[in-house]
Amino acid sequence: MTLLLENETESEFPFDYKALANDVISYTIEREKFPYEAEINLTLVDEDTIRAINLEYRGIDRSTDVLSFPMLDYEAPGAFEGIGEDVVDNFNPDTGEVILGDIILCVPKIYAQAEEFGHSVKREFAFLIVHSMLHLFGYDHMEQKEAAFMEKRQEEILNEMKIQR
């Protein structure tokens, strides 16, 4: 697995955020049984940057905590056998890995939400990465049933990694 991580902010974290991002992404890939070696782009940004990206790609003129841009289409969430040609079209020719997509995290939102929800910045950082990885695997939360399933999956992964509230 290759993690291309870029921190476009001046922010620092009270933990090794690069190691945690790598661990969370690797564990989620393994837990979901993604059958290919994968490449993920993770970018840490400020509120103005994520607001501009949110407006450009989603038509929503406000900041958000995380944006996910999956490169593969799935017949159903986590249905990797159906991705066929998408995999071929999304291989990095230099590494032979499948490019899963991009994750963009808003650092100020990580801090604000950690305080709001009463847990650590580390937990919020890990949660948003798991959440986004599930989006890269085709999961969504637009409908109540989907949201409940995705929330359960997120909690299972974080609990298994011993990253609790």
C-alpha atoms as a PDB file:
ATOM      1  CA  MET A   1       0.000   0.000   0.000  1.00  0.00           C
ATOM      2  CA  THR A   2       1.161   3.470  -0.840  1.00  0.00           C
ATOM      3  CA  LEU A   3      -0.072   6.484   1.081  1.00  0.00           C
ATOM      4  CA  LEU A   4       0.662   9.821  -0.545  1.00  0.00           C
ATOM      5  CA  LEU A   5       0.164  12.262   2.326  1.00  0.00           C
ATOM      6  CA  GLU A   6       0.428  16.016   2.020  1.00  0.00           C
ATOM      7  CA  ASN A   7      -0.094  18.468   4.867  1.00  0.00           C
ATOM      8  CA  GLU A   8      -0.951  21.850   3.370  1.00  0.00           C
ATOM      9  CA  THR A   9      -1.466  23.412   6.806  1.00  0.00           C
ATOM     10  CA  GLU A  10       0.855  24.719   9.509  1.00  0.00           C
ATOM     11  CA  SER A  11      -0.956  22.499  12.015  1.00  0.00           C
ATOM     12  CA  GLU A  12       0.732  19.890  14.116  1.00  0.00           C
ATOM     13  CA  PHE A  13      -0.898  16.977  15.875  1.00  0.00           C
ATOM     14  CA  PRO A  14      -0.152  15.630  19.374  1.00  0.00           C
ATOM     15  CA  PHE A  15       0.539  12.197  17.817  1.00  0.00           C
ATOM     16  CA  ASP A  16       2.373  10.788  14.816  1.00  0.00           C
ATOM     17  CA  TYR A  17      -0.370  11.549  12.286  1.00  0.00           C
ATOM     18  CA  LYS A  18       1.529   9.992   9.377  1.00  0.00           C
ATOM     19  CA  ALA A  19       1.899   6.653  11.168  1.00  0.00           C
ATOM     20  CA  LEU A  20      -1.716   6.727  12.347  1.00  0.00           C
ATOM     21  CA  ALA A  21      -3.025   7.503   8.851  1.00  0.00           C
ATOM     22  CA  ASN A  22      -0.954   4.655   7.428  1.00  0.00           C
ATOM     23  CA  ASP A  23      -2.133   2.229  10.126  1.00  0.00           C
ATOM     24  CA  VAL A  24      -5.817   3.151   9.779  1.00  0.00           C
ATOM     25  CA  ILE A  25      -5.785   2.970   5.987  1.00  0.00           C
ATOM     26  CA  SER A  26      -3.868  -0.333   5.953  1.00  0.00           C
ATOM     27  CA  TYR A  27      -6.173  -1.863   8.542  1.00  0.00           C
ATOM     28  CA  THR A  28      -9.309  -0.742   6.706  1.00  0.00           C
ATOM     29  CA  ILE A  29      -8.025  -2.162   3.417  1.00  0.00           C
ATOM     30  CA  GLU A  30      -7.243  -5.465   5.135  1.00  0.00           C
ATOM     31  CA  ARG A  31     -10.518  -5.532   7.111  1.00  0.00           C
ATOM     32  CA  GLU A  32     -12.577  -4.891   3.989  1.00  0.00           C
ATOM     33  CA  LYS A  33     -10.572  -7.527   2.090  1.00  0.00           C
ATOM     34  CA  PHE A  34      -9.704  -5.276  -0.850  1.00  0.00           C
ATOM     35  CA  PRO A  35      -7.995  -7.780  -3.192  1.00  0.00           C
ATOM     36  CA  TYR A  36      -5.385  -5.455  -4.745  1.00  0.00           C
ATOM     37  CA  GLU A  37      -2.423  -3.428  -3.617  1.00  0.00           C
ATOM     38  CA  ALA A  38      -3.716   0.124  -3.249  1.00  0.00           C
ATOM     39  CA  GLU A  39      -2.633   3.731  -3.476  1.00  0.00           C
ATOM     40  CA  ILE A  40      -4.453   6.469  -1.556  1.00  0.00           C
ATOM     41  CA  ASN A  41      -3.938  10.227  -1.623  1.00  0.00           C
ATOM     42  CA  LEU A  42      -4.537  12.000   1.698  1.00  0.00           C
ATOM     43  CA  THR A  43      -4.361  15.783   1.901  1.00  0.00           C
ATOM     44  CA  LEU A  44      -4.726  17.879   5.045  1.00  0.00           C
ATOM     45  CA  VAL A  45      -6.133  21.346   4.431  1.00  0.00           C
ATOM     46  CA  ASP A  46      -7.608  24.401   6.147  1.00  0.00           C
ATOM     47  CA  GLU A  47     -11.257  25.508   6.104  1.00  0.00           C
ATOM     48  CA  ASP A  48     -10.914  27.917   3.186  1.00  0.00           C
ATOM     49  CA  THR A  49      -9.357  25.235   0.999  1.00  0.00           C
ATOM     50  CA  ILE A  50     -11.926  22.548   1.762  1.00  0.00           C
ATOM     51  CA  ARG A  51     -14.714  25.085   1.291  1.00  0.00           C
ATOM     52  CA  ALA A  52     -13.405  25.936  -2.196  1.00  0.00           C
ATOM     53  CA  ILE A  53     -13.099  22.231  -3.097  1.00  0.00           C
ATOM     54  CA  ASN A  54     -16.586  21.528  -1.734  1.00  0.00           C
ATOM     55  CA  LEU A  55     -18.007  24.358  -3.838  1.00  0.00           C
ATOM     56  CA  GLU A  56     -16.154  23.313  -6.985  1.00  0.00           C
ATOM     57  CA  TYR A  57     -16.974  19.587  -6.860  1.00  0.00           C
ATOM     58  CA  ARG A  58     -20.246  19.445  -4.937  1.00  0.00           C
ATOM     59  CA  GLY A  59     -21.752  22.894  -5.425  1.00  0.00           C
ATOM     60  CA  ILE A  60     -21.886  23.416  -1.642  1.00  0.00           C
ATOM     61  CA  ASP A  61     -20.436  26.731  -0.469  1.00  0.00           C
ATOM     62  CA  ARG A  62     -19.318  25.790   3.052  1.00  0.00           C
ATOM     63  CA  SER A  63     -16.473  24.010   4.728  1.00  0.00           C
ATOM     64  CA  THR A  64     -16.812  20.382   5.761  1.00  0.00           C
ATOM     65  CA  ASP A  65     -14.748  17.905   7.762  1.00  0.00           C
ATOM     66  CA  VAL A  66     -13.816  15.474   5.000  1.00  0.00           C
ATOM     67  CA  LEU A  67     -14.227  14.960   1.281  1.00  0.00           C
ATOM     68  CA  SER A  68     -13.792  11.614  -0.455  1.00  0.00           C
ATOM     69  CA  PHE A  69     -13.184  11.151  -4.156  1.00  0.00           C
ATOM     70  CA  PRO A  70     -13.393   7.437  -5.072  1.00  0.00           C
ATOM     71  CA  MET A  71     -11.794   6.313  -8.322  1.00  0.00           C
ATOM     72  CA  LEU A  72     -13.675   3.015  -8.605  1.00  0.00           C
ATOM     73  CA  ASP A  73     -17.353   2.192  -9.107  1.00  0.00           C
ATOM     74  CA  TYR A  74     -18.935  -0.716  -7.261  1.00  0.00           C
ATOM     75  CA  GLU A  75     -22.126  -2.666  -7.902  1.00  0.00           C
ATOM     76  CA  ALA A  76     -22.623  -2.647  -4.134  1.00  0.00           C
ATOM     77  CA  PRO A  77     -20.543  -1.357  -1.205  1.00  0.00           C
ATOM     78  CA  GLY A  78     -17.449  -3.501  -0.812  1.00  0.00           C
ATOM     79  CA  ALA A  79     -18.317  -5.620  -3.877  1.00  0.00           C
ATOM     80  CA  PHE A  80     -14.802  -5.752  -5.265  1.00  0.00           C
ATOM     81  CA  GLU A  81     -15.422  -8.593  -7.703  1.00  0.00           C
ATOM     82  CA  GLY A  82     -17.532  -6.281  -9.846  1.00  0.00           C
ATOM     83  CA  ILE A  83     -14.958  -3.553 -10.448  1.00  0.00           C
ATOM     84  CA  GLY A  84     -13.387  -5.229 -13.493  1.00  0.00           C
ATOM     85  CA  GLU A  85     -12.306  -2.608 -16.027  1.00  0.00           C
ATOM     86  CA  ASP A  86     -12.189   0.114 -13.386  1.00  0.00           C
ATOM     87  CA  VAL A  87      -9.210  -1.660 -11.825  1.00  0.00           C
ATOM     88  CA  VAL A  88      -7.358  -1.860 -15.136  1.00  0.00           C
ATOM     89  CA  ASP A  89      -8.041   1.814 -15.851  1.00  0.00           C
ATOM     90  CA  ASN A  90      -6.928   2.888 -12.370  1.00  0.00           C
ATOM     91  CA  PHE A  91      -3.588   1.125 -11.952  1.00  0.00           C
ATOM     92  CA  ASN A  92      -0.592   3.305 -11.274  1.00  0.00           C
ATOM     93  CA  PRO A  93       1.838   2.080 -13.953  1.00  0.00           C
ATOM     94  CA  ASP A  94       4.843   2.881 -11.762  1.00  0.00           C
ATOM     95  CA  THR A  95       3.734   0.886  -8.717  1.00  0.00           C
ATOM     96  CA  GLY A  96       1.175  -1.573 -10.084  1.00  0.00           C
ATOM     97  CA  GLU A  97      -1.219  -0.454  -7.354  1.00  0.00           C
ATOM     98  CA  VAL A  98      -4.881   0.419  -7.812  1.00  0.00           C
ATOM     99  CA  ILE A  99      -5.503   4.106  -7.169  1.00  0.00           C
ATOM    100  CA  LEU A 100      -8.455   4.039  -4.755  1.00  0.00           C
ATOM    101  CA  GLY A 101      -8.951   7.787  -4.626  1.00  0.00           C
ATOM    102  CA  ASP A 102      -8.434  10.953  -2.647  1.00  0.00           C
ATOM    103  CA  ILE A 103      -9.233  11.858   0.934  1.00  0.00           C
ATOM    104  CA  ILE A 104      -9.190  15.510   1.961  1.00  0.00           C
ATOM    105  CA  LEU A 105      -9.342  16.279   5.686  1.00  0.00           C
ATOM    106  CA  CYS A 106      -9.960  19.705   7.219  1.00  0.00           C
ATOM    107  CA  VAL A 107      -7.591  20.038  10.173  1.00  0.00           C
ATOM    108  CA  PRO A 108      -9.513  22.798  12.029  1.00  0.00           C
ATOM    109  CA  LYS A 109     -12.690  20.690  11.782  1.00  0.00           C
ATOM    110  CA  ILE A 110     -10.836  17.696  13.265  1.00  0.00           C
ATOM    111  CA  TYR A 111      -9.972  19.752  16.347  1.00  0.00           C
ATOM    112  CA  ALA A 112     -13.431  21.343  16.620  1.00  0.00           C
ATOM    113  CA  GLN A 113     -15.298  18.037  16.262  1.00  0.00           C
ATOM    114  CA  ALA A 114     -13.049  16.265  18.747  1.00  0.00           C
ATOM    115  CA  GLU A 115     -13.973  18.906  21.301  1.00  0.00           C
ATOM    116  CA  GLU A 116     -17.653  18.890  20.316  1.00  0.00           C
ATOM    117  CA  PHE A 117     -17.958  15.102  20.579  1.00  0.00           C
ATOM    118  CA  GLY A 118     -15.799  14.829  23.696  1.00  0.00           C
ATOM    119  CA  HIS A 119     -13.072  12.600  22.372  1.00  0.00           C
ATOM    120  CA  SER A 120      -9.442  12.968  21.369  1.00  0.00           C
ATOM    121  CA  VAL A 121      -8.112  14.628  18.237  1.00  0.00           C
ATOM    122  CA  LYS A 122      -6.446  11.287  17.459  1.00  0.00           C
ATOM    123  CA  ARG A 123      -9.820   9.519  17.547  1.00  0.00           C
ATOM    124  CA  GLU A 124     -11.457  12.134  15.296  1.00  0.00           C
ATOM    125  CA  PHE A 125      -8.564  11.997  12.824  1.00  0.00           C
ATOM    126  CA  ALA A 126      -8.774   8.180  12.670  1.00  0.00           C
ATOM    127  CA  PHE A 127     -12.578   8.225  12.450  1.00  0.00           C
ATOM    128  CA  LEU A 128     -12.608  10.584   9.460  1.00  0.00           C
ATOM    129  CA  ILE A 129     -10.048   8.443   7.642  1.00  0.00           C
ATOM    130  CA  VAL A 130     -12.052   5.246   8.234  1.00  0.00           C
ATOM    131  CA  HIS A 131     -15.209   7.071   7.151  1.00  0.00           C
ATOM    132  CA  SER A 132     -13.549   8.245   3.960  1.00  0.00           C
ATOM    133  CA  MET A 133     -11.966   4.851   3.223  1.00  0.00           C
ATOM    134  CA  LEU A 134     -15.425   3.287   3.367  1.00  0.00           C
ATOM    135  CA  HIS A 135     -16.567   5.880   0.818  1.00  0.00           C
ATOM    136  CA  LEU A 136     -13.616   4.848  -1.380  1.00  0.00           C
ATOM    137  CA  PHE A 137     -14.995   1.293  -1.133  1.00  0.00           C
ATOM    138  CA  GLY A 138     -18.474   2.329  -2.268  1.00  0.00           C
ATOM    139  CA  TYR A 139     -20.233   2.818   1.067  1.00  0.00           C
ATOM    140  CA  ASP A 140     -22.543   5.796   1.528  1.00  0.00           C
ATOM    141  CA  HIS A 141     -24.859   7.290   4.136  1.00  0.00           C
ATOM    142  CA  MET A 142     -27.526   9.070   2.103  1.00  0.00           C
ATOM    143  CA  GLU A 143     -30.285   6.743   3.279  1.00  0.00           C
ATOM    144  CA  GLN A 144     -30.939   5.739   6.885  1.00  0.00           C
ATOM    145  CA  LYS A 145     -30.230   2.037   6.315  1.00  0.00           C
ATOM    146  CA  GLU A 146     -26.928   2.800   4.536  1.00  0.00           C
ATOM    147  CA  ALA A 147     -25.937   5.262   7.260  1.00  0.00           C
ATOM    148  CA  ALA A 148     -26.621   2.745  10.041  1.00  0.00           C
ATOM    149  CA  PHE A 149     -24.554   0.076   8.290  1.00  0.00           C
ATOM    150  CA  MET A 150     -21.678   2.467   7.600  1.00  0.00           C
ATOM    151  CA  GLU A 151     -21.681   3.786  11.180  1.00  0.00           C
ATOM    152  CA  LYS A 152     -21.574   0.243  12.544  1.00  0.00           C
ATOM    153  CA  ARG A 153     -18.679  -0.652  10.246  1.00  0.00           C
ATOM    154  CA  GLN A 154     -16.743   2.488  11.266  1.00  0.00           C
ATOM    155  CA  GLU A 155     -17.161   1.727  14.966  1.00  0.00           C
ATOM    156  CA  GLU A 156     -16.115  -1.908  14.479  1.00  0.00           C
ATOM    157  CA  ILE A 157     -12.906  -0.893  12.728  1.00  0.00           C
ATOM    158  CA  LEU A 158     -11.998   1.751  15.303  1.00  0.00           C
ATOM    159  CA  ASN A 159     -12.807  -0.581  18.210  1.00  0.00           C
ATOM    160  CA  GLU A 160     -10.714  -3.373  16.688  1.00  0.00           C
ATOM    161  CA  MET A 161      -7.848  -0.883  16.393  1.00  0.00           C
ATOM    162  CA  LYS A 162      -8.474   0.160  20.021  1.00  0.00           C
ATOM    163  CA  ILE A 163      -9.165   3.763  19.032  1.00  0.00           C
ATOM    164  CA  GLN A 164     -12.150   4.492  21.249  1.00  0.00           C
ATOM    165  CA  ARG A 165     -13.992   7.633  22.270  1.00  0.00           C
END
